[in-house]
Amino acid sequence: MKISARNVLKGKVVSVDKGATTAHVKIEIAPGQVVTASITNESVDALKLTLGSDAYAVVKASDVMVAVD
């Protein structure tokens, strides 16, 4: 797979919560570090995402916000 996004985080699916049309998929990229994505239920099925499966969180954004306390 080749992709233009530079922020590609490999991890394991730790949760797939399907709603009426959209699912929240949680991918653990490091111990205690979880990225959550909202994707369609159709995409969950097409990607065959299940608990424990390997997946990539791909982040492509024109803006990234940084905050500190």
PDB file of N, CA and C in Angstrom:
ATOM      1  N   MET A   1       0.850  -1.167   0.000  1.00  0.00           N
ATOM      2  CA  MET A   1       0.000   0.000   0.000  1.00  0.00           C
ATOM      3  C   MET A   1       0.894   1.228   0.000  1.00  0.00           C
ATOM      4  N   LYS A   2       0.641   2.154  -0.904  1.00  0.00           N
ATOM      5  CA  LYS A   2       1.314   3.445  -0.916  1.00  0.00           C
ATOM      6  C   LYS A   2       0.249   4.505  -0.676  1.00  0.00           C
ATOM      7  N   ILE A   3       0.602   5.485   0.141  1.00  0.00           N
ATOM      8  CA  ILE A   3      -0.365   6.520   0.494  1.00  0.00           C
ATOM      9  C   ILE A   3       0.379   7.828   0.717  1.00  0.00           C
ATOM     10  N   SER A   4      -0.270   8.939   0.411  1.00  0.00           N
ATOM     11  CA  SER A   4       0.398  10.229   0.539  1.00  0.00           C
ATOM     12  C   SER A   4       0.447  10.750   1.969  1.00  0.00           C
ATOM     13  N   ALA A   5      -0.434  10.286   2.822  1.00  0.00           N
ATOM     14  CA  ALA A   5      -0.450  10.752   4.211  1.00  0.00           C
ATOM     15  C   ALA A   5       0.831  10.309   4.913  1.00  0.00           C
ATOM     16  N   ARG A   6       1.382  11.180   5.734  1.00  0.00           N
ATOM     17  CA  ARG A   6       2.628  10.877   6.437  1.00  0.00           C
ATOM     18  C   ARG A   6       2.394  10.362   7.855  1.00  0.00           C
ATOM     19  N   ASN A   7       1.212  10.522   8.355  1.00  0.00           N
ATOM     20  CA  ASN A   7       0.902  10.093   9.709  1.00  0.00           C
ATOM     21  C   ASN A   7       0.130   8.781   9.657  1.00  0.00           C
ATOM     22  N   VAL A   8       0.862   7.683   9.613  1.00  0.00           N
ATOM     23  CA  VAL A   8       0.280   6.352   9.539  1.00  0.00           C
ATOM     24  C   VAL A   8       0.687   5.610  10.805  1.00  0.00           C
ATOM     25  N   LEU A   9      -0.297   5.278  11.626  1.00  0.00           N
ATOM     26  CA  LEU A   9      -0.040   4.677  12.928  1.00  0.00           C
ATOM     27  C   LEU A   9      -0.589   3.258  12.948  1.00  0.00           C
ATOM     28  N   LYS A  10       0.299   2.266  13.062  1.00  0.00           N
ATOM     29  CA  LYS A  10      -0.131   0.869  13.063  1.00  0.00           C
ATOM     30  C   LYS A  10      -0.540   0.462  14.473  1.00  0.00           C
ATOM     31  N   GLY A  11      -1.599  -0.328  14.549  1.00  0.00           N
ATOM     32  CA  GLY A  11      -2.041  -0.794  15.849  1.00  0.00           C
ATOM     33  C   GLY A  11      -3.006  -1.959  15.742  1.00  0.00           C
ATOM     34  N   LYS A  12      -3.699  -2.217  16.841  1.00  0.00           N
ATOM     35  CA  LYS A  12      -4.693  -3.294  16.908  1.00  0.00           C
ATOM     36  C   LYS A  12      -6.044  -2.711  17.261  1.00  0.00           C
ATOM     37  N   VAL A  13      -7.083  -3.246  16.643  1.00  0.00           N
ATOM     38  CA  VAL A  13      -8.448  -2.816  16.929  1.00  0.00           C
ATOM     39  C   VAL A  13      -8.822  -3.321  18.318  1.00  0.00           C
ATOM     40  N   VAL A  14      -9.208  -2.389  19.192  1.00  0.00           N
ATOM     41  CA  VAL A  14      -9.598  -2.764  20.550  1.00  0.00           C
ATOM     42  C   VAL A  14     -11.091  -2.590  20.785  1.00  0.00           C
ATOM     43  N   SER A  15     -11.774  -1.919  19.842  1.00  0.00           N
ATOM     44  CA  SER A  15     -13.217  -1.723  19.998  1.00  0.00           C
ATOM     45  C   SER A  15     -13.831  -1.316  18.666  1.00  0.00           C
ATOM     46  N   VAL A  16     -14.996  -1.874  18.373  1.00  0.00           N
ATOM     47  CA  VAL A  16     -15.803  -1.467  17.218  1.00  0.00           C
ATOM     48  C   VAL A  16     -17.232  -1.325  17.723  1.00  0.00           C
ATOM     49  N   ASP A  17     -17.695  -0.085  17.817  1.00  0.00           N
ATOM     50  CA  ASP A  17     -19.056   0.176  18.290  1.00  0.00           C
ATOM     51  C   ASP A  17     -19.885   0.727  17.140  1.00  0.00           C
ATOM     52  N   LYS A  18     -20.750  -0.133  16.584  1.00  0.00           N
ATOM     53  CA  LYS A  18     -21.588   0.275  15.461  1.00  0.00           C
ATOM     54  C   LYS A  18     -22.844   0.985  15.945  1.00  0.00           C
ATOM     55  N   GLY A  19     -23.171   2.073  15.271  1.00  0.00           N
ATOM     56  CA  GLY A  19     -24.422   2.764  15.506  1.00  0.00           C
ATOM     57  C   GLY A  19     -25.357   2.490  14.339  1.00  0.00           C
ATOM     58  N   ALA A  20     -26.324   3.389  14.118  1.00  0.00           N
ATOM     59  CA  ALA A  20     -27.284   3.210  13.024  1.00  0.00           C
ATOM     60  C   ALA A  20     -26.589   3.209  11.662  1.00  0.00           C
ATOM     61  N   THR A  21     -25.652   4.142  11.461  1.00  0.00           N
ATOM     62  CA  THR A  21     -24.959   4.245  10.174  1.00  0.00           C
ATOM     63  C   THR A  21     -23.452   4.373  10.323  1.00  0.00           C
ATOM     64  N   THR A  22     -22.994   4.799  11.501  1.00  0.00           N
ATOM     65  CA  THR A  22     -21.581   5.098  11.730  1.00  0.00           C
ATOM     66  C   THR A  22     -21.040   4.257  12.879  1.00  0.00           C
ATOM     67  N   ALA A  23     -19.795   3.871  12.755  1.00  0.00           N
ATOM     68  CA  ALA A  23     -19.133   3.108  13.805  1.00  0.00           C
ATOM     69  C   ALA A  23     -17.975   3.910  14.372  1.00  0.00           C
ATOM     70  N   HIS A  24     -17.700   3.720  15.660  1.00  0.00           N
ATOM     71  CA  HIS A  24     -16.501   4.262  16.290  1.00  0.00           C
ATOM     72  C   HIS A  24     -15.531   3.103  16.453  1.00  0.00           C
ATOM     73  N   VAL A  25     -14.383   3.249  15.817  1.00  0.00           N
ATOM     74  CA  VAL A  25     -13.360   2.215  15.845  1.00  0.00           C
ATOM     75  C   VAL A  25     -12.180   2.735  16.656  1.00  0.00           C
ATOM     76  N   LYS A  26     -11.780   1.970  17.663  1.00  0.00           N
ATOM     77  CA  LYS A  26     -10.640   2.346  18.492  1.00  0.00           C
ATOM     78  C   LYS A  26      -9.469   1.453  18.158  1.00  0.00           C
ATOM     79  N   ILE A  27      -8.320   2.082  17.868  1.00  0.00           N
ATOM     80  CA  ILE A  27      -7.099   1.371  17.513  1.00  0.00           C
ATOM     81  C   ILE A  27      -6.035   1.737  18.540  1.00  0.00           C
ATOM     82  N   GLU A  28      -5.504   0.716  19.214  1.00  0.00           N
ATOM     83  CA  GLU A  28      -4.433   0.957  20.174  1.00  0.00           C
ATOM     84  C   GLU A  28      -3.111   0.947  19.417  1.00  0.00           C
ATOM     85  N   ILE A  29      -2.423   2.089  19.412  1.00  0.00           N
ATOM     86  CA  ILE A  29      -1.180   2.232  18.647  1.00  0.00           C
ATOM     87  C   ILE A  29       0.060   2.004  19.514  1.00  0.00           C
ATOM     88  N   ALA A  30      -0.116   2.042  20.825  1.00  0.00           N
ATOM     89  CA  ALA A  30       0.929   1.753  21.812  1.00  0.00           C
ATOM     90  C   ALA A  30       0.194   1.465  23.113  1.00  0.00           C
ATOM     91  N   PRO A  31       0.840   0.815  24.061  1.00  0.00           N
ATOM     92  CA  PRO A  31       0.143   0.527  25.308  1.00  0.00           C
ATOM     93  C   PRO A  31      -0.463   1.792  25.933  1.00  0.00           C
ATOM     94  N   GLY A  32      -1.780   1.777  26.074  1.00  0.00           N
ATOM     95  CA  GLY A  32      -2.479   2.916  26.655  1.00  0.00           C
ATOM     96  C   GLY A  32      -2.731   4.082  25.720  1.00  0.00           C
ATOM     97  N   GLN A  33      -2.297   3.983  24.475  1.00  0.00           N
ATOM     98  CA  GLN A  33      -2.479   5.054  23.486  1.00  0.00           C
ATOM     99  C   GLN A  33      -3.479   4.586  22.431  1.00  0.00           C
ATOM    100  N   VAL A  34      -4.660   5.213  22.432  1.00  0.00           N
ATOM    101  CA  VAL A  34      -5.742   4.774  21.548  1.00  0.00           C
ATOM    102  C   VAL A  34      -6.187   5.925  20.650  1.00  0.00           C
ATOM    103  N   VAL A  35      -6.348   5.619  19.381  1.00  0.00           N
ATOM    104  CA  VAL A  35      -6.884   6.561  18.398  1.00  0.00           C
ATOM    105  C   VAL A  35      -8.290   6.087  18.053  1.00  0.00           C
ATOM    106  N   THR A  36      -9.255   7.020  18.041  1.00  0.00           N
ATOM    107  CA  THR A  36     -10.635   6.680  17.707  1.00  0.00           C
ATOM    108  C   THR A  36     -11.003   7.318  16.378  1.00  0.00           C
ATOM    109  N   ALA A  37     -11.613   6.535  15.503  1.00  0.00           N
ATOM    110  CA  ALA A  37     -12.066   7.037  14.203  1.00  0.00           C
ATOM    111  C   ALA A  37     -13.554   6.755  14.048  1.00  0.00           C
ATOM    112  N   SER A  38     -14.253   7.674  13.409  1.00  0.00           N
ATOM    113  CA  SER A  38     -15.660   7.475  13.053  1.00  0.00           C
ATOM    114  C   SER A  38     -15.713   7.156  11.568  1.00  0.00           C
ATOM    115  N   ILE A  39     -16.179   5.946  11.243  1.00  0.00           N
ATOM    116  CA  ILE A  39     -16.292   5.529   9.853  1.00  0.00           C
ATOM    117  C   ILE A  39     -17.658   4.873   9.661  1.00  0.00           C
ATOM    118  N   THR A  40     -18.036   4.674   8.420  1.00  0.00           N
ATOM    119  CA  THR A  40     -19.339   4.069   8.159  1.00  0.00           C
ATOM    120  C   THR A  40     -19.324   2.584   8.532  1.00  0.00           C
ATOM    121  N   ASN A  41     -20.498   2.074   8.849  1.00  0.00           N
ATOM    122  CA  ASN A  41     -20.634   0.640   9.108  1.00  0.00           C
ATOM    123  C   ASN A  41     -20.230  -0.160   7.878  1.00  0.00           C
ATOM    124  N   GLU A  42     -20.539   0.369   6.719  1.00  0.00           N
ATOM    125  CA  GLU A  42     -20.169  -0.295   5.462  1.00  0.00           C
ATOM    126  C   GLU A  42     -18.647  -0.444   5.365  1.00  0.00           C
ATOM    127  N   SER A  43     -17.914   0.582   5.786  1.00  0.00           N
ATOM    128  CA  SER A  43     -16.449   0.510   5.761  1.00  0.00           C
ATOM    129  C   SER A  43     -15.921  -0.512   6.755  1.00  0.00           C
ATOM    130  N   VAL A  44     -16.538  -0.592   7.932  1.00  0.00           N
ATOM    131  CA  VAL A  44     -16.142  -1.604   8.917  1.00  0.00           C
ATOM    132  C   VAL A  44     -16.272  -2.990   8.299  1.00  0.00           C
ATOM    133  N   ASP A  45     -17.378  -3.231   7.626  1.00  0.00           N
ATOM    134  CA  ASP A  45     -17.612  -4.535   7.005  1.00  0.00           C
ATOM    135  C   ASP A  45     -16.644  -4.792   5.852  1.00  0.00           C
ATOM    136  N   ALA A  46     -16.423  -3.784   5.015  1.00  0.00           N
ATOM    137  CA  ALA A  46     -15.533  -3.937   3.860  1.00  0.00           C
ATOM    138  C   ALA A  46     -14.093  -4.201   4.285  1.00  0.00           C
ATOM    139  N   LEU A  47     -13.665  -3.568   5.387  1.00  0.00           N
ATOM    140  CA  LEU A  47     -12.306  -3.753   5.889  1.00  0.00           C
ATOM    141  C   LEU A  47     -12.185  -4.982   6.798  1.00  0.00           C
ATOM    142  N   LYS A  48     -13.330  -5.602   7.088  1.00  0.00           N
ATOM    143  CA  LYS A  48     -13.375  -6.783   7.955  1.00  0.00           C
ATOM    144  C   LYS A  48     -12.712  -6.508   9.311  1.00  0.00           C
ATOM    145  N   LEU A  49     -13.054  -5.353   9.890  1.00  0.00           N
ATOM    146  CA  LEU A  49     -12.483  -4.970  11.169  1.00  0.00           C
ATOM    147  C   LEU A  49     -13.141  -5.754  12.299  1.00  0.00           C
ATOM    148  N   THR A  50     -12.328  -6.420  13.080  1.00  0.00           N
ATOM    149  CA  THR A  50     -12.809  -7.168  14.230  1.00  0.00           C
ATOM    150  C   THR A  50     -11.862  -6.911  15.395  1.00  0.00           C
ATOM    151  N   LEU A  51     -12.326  -7.213  16.572  1.00  0.00           N
ATOM    152  CA  LEU A  51     -11.525  -7.046  17.772  1.00  0.00           C
ATOM    153  C   LEU A  51     -10.216  -7.820  17.634  1.00  0.00           C
ATOM    154  N   GLY A  52      -9.099  -7.130  17.833  1.00  0.00           N
ATOM    155  CA  GLY A  52      -7.787  -7.772  17.758  1.00  0.00           C
ATOM    156  C   GLY A  52      -7.132  -7.749  16.400  1.00  0.00           C
ATOM    157  N   SER A  53      -7.858  -7.319  15.371  1.00  0.00           N
ATOM    158  CA  SER A  53      -7.250  -7.301  14.043  1.00  0.00           C
ATOM    159  C   SER A  53      -6.282  -6.126  13.912  1.00  0.00           C
ATOM    160  N   ASP A  54      -5.252  -6.310  13.075  1.00  0.00           N
ATOM    161  CA  ASP A  54      -4.309  -5.231  12.785  1.00  0.00           C
ATOM    162  C   ASP A  54      -4.989  -4.193  11.915  1.00  0.00           C
ATOM    163  N   ALA A  55      -4.667  -2.922  12.153  1.00  0.00           N
ATOM    164  CA  ALA A  55      -5.226  -1.835  11.355  1.00  0.00           C
ATOM    165  C   ALA A  55      -4.299  -0.634  11.448  1.00  0.00           C
ATOM    166  N   TYR A  56      -4.478   0.294  10.532  1.00  0.00           N
ATOM    167  CA  TYR A  56      -3.709   1.538  10.525  1.00  0.00           C
ATOM    168  C   TYR A  56      -4.646   2.712  10.757  1.00  0.00           C
ATOM    169  N   ALA A  57      -4.232   3.626  11.601  1.00  0.00           N
ATOM    170  CA  ALA A  57      -4.918   4.911  11.734  1.00  0.00           C
ATOM    171  C   ALA A  57      -4.144   5.871  10.841  1.00  0.00           C
ATOM    172  N   VAL A  58      -4.782   6.357   9.798  1.00  0.00           N
ATOM    173  CA  VAL A  58      -4.137   7.249   8.839  1.00  0.00           C
ATOM    174  C   VAL A  58      -4.704   8.648   9.053  1.00  0.00           C
ATOM    175  N   VAL A  59      -3.821   9.585   9.398  1.00  0.00           N
ATOM    176  CA  VAL A  59      -4.256  10.952   9.693  1.00  0.00           C
ATOM    177  C   VAL A  59      -3.770  11.875   8.592  1.00  0.00           C
ATOM    178  N   LYS A  60      -4.722  12.502   7.925  1.00  0.00           N
ATOM    179  CA  LYS A  60      -4.407  13.469   6.873  1.00  0.00           C
ATOM    180  C   LYS A  60      -5.259  14.697   7.143  1.00  0.00           C
ATOM    181  N   ALA A  61      -4.611  15.779   7.526  1.00  0.00           N
ATOM    182  CA  ALA A  61      -5.351  16.976   7.895  1.00  0.00           C
ATOM    183  C   ALA A  61      -4.597  18.208   7.435  1.00  0.00           C
ATOM    184  N   SER A  62      -5.321  19.233   7.104  1.00  0.00           N
ATOM    185  CA  SER A  62      -4.682  20.495   6.726  1.00  0.00           C
ATOM    186  C   SER A  62      -4.342  21.321   7.959  1.00  0.00           C
ATOM    187  N   ASP A  63      -4.987  21.035   9.084  1.00  0.00           N
ATOM    188  CA  ASP A  63      -4.732  21.748  10.329  1.00  0.00           C
ATOM    189  C   ASP A  63      -4.515  20.757  11.457  1.00  0.00           C
ATOM    190  N   VAL A  64      -3.514  21.017  12.252  1.00  0.00           N
ATOM    191  CA  VAL A  64      -3.289  20.245  13.463  1.00  0.00           C
ATOM    192  C   VAL A  64      -3.177  21.227  14.607  1.00  0.00           C
ATOM    193  N   MET A  65      -3.987  21.032  15.627  1.00  0.00           N
ATOM    194  CA  MET A  65      -3.971  21.924  16.778  1.00  0.00           C
ATOM    195  C   MET A  65      -3.053  21.348  17.849  1.00  0.00           C
ATOM    196  N   VAL A  66      -2.303  22.218  18.499  1.00  0.00           N
ATOM    197  CA  VAL A  66      -1.427  21.832  19.593  1.00  0.00           C
ATOM    198  C   VAL A  66      -1.849  22.618  20.816  1.00  0.00           C
ATOM    199  N   ALA A  67      -1.933  21.951  21.967  1.00  0.00           N
ATOM    200  CA  ALA A  67      -2.322  22.630  23.198  1.00  0.00           C
ATOM    201  C   ALA A  67      -1.428  22.195  24.345  1.00  0.00           C
ATOM    202  N   VAL A  68      -1.321  23.049  25.342  1.00  0.00           N
ATOM    203  CA  VAL A  68      -0.596  22.728  26.562  1.00  0.00           C
ATOM    204  C   VAL A  68      -1.386  23.240  27.753  1.00  0.00           C
ATOM    205  N   ASP A  69      -1.096  22.708  28.930  1.00  0.00           N
ATOM    206  CA  ASP A  69      -1.738  23.193  30.154  1.00  0.00           C
ATOM    207  C   ASP A  69      -1.022  24.436  30.649  1.00  0.00           C
TER     208      ASP A  69
END
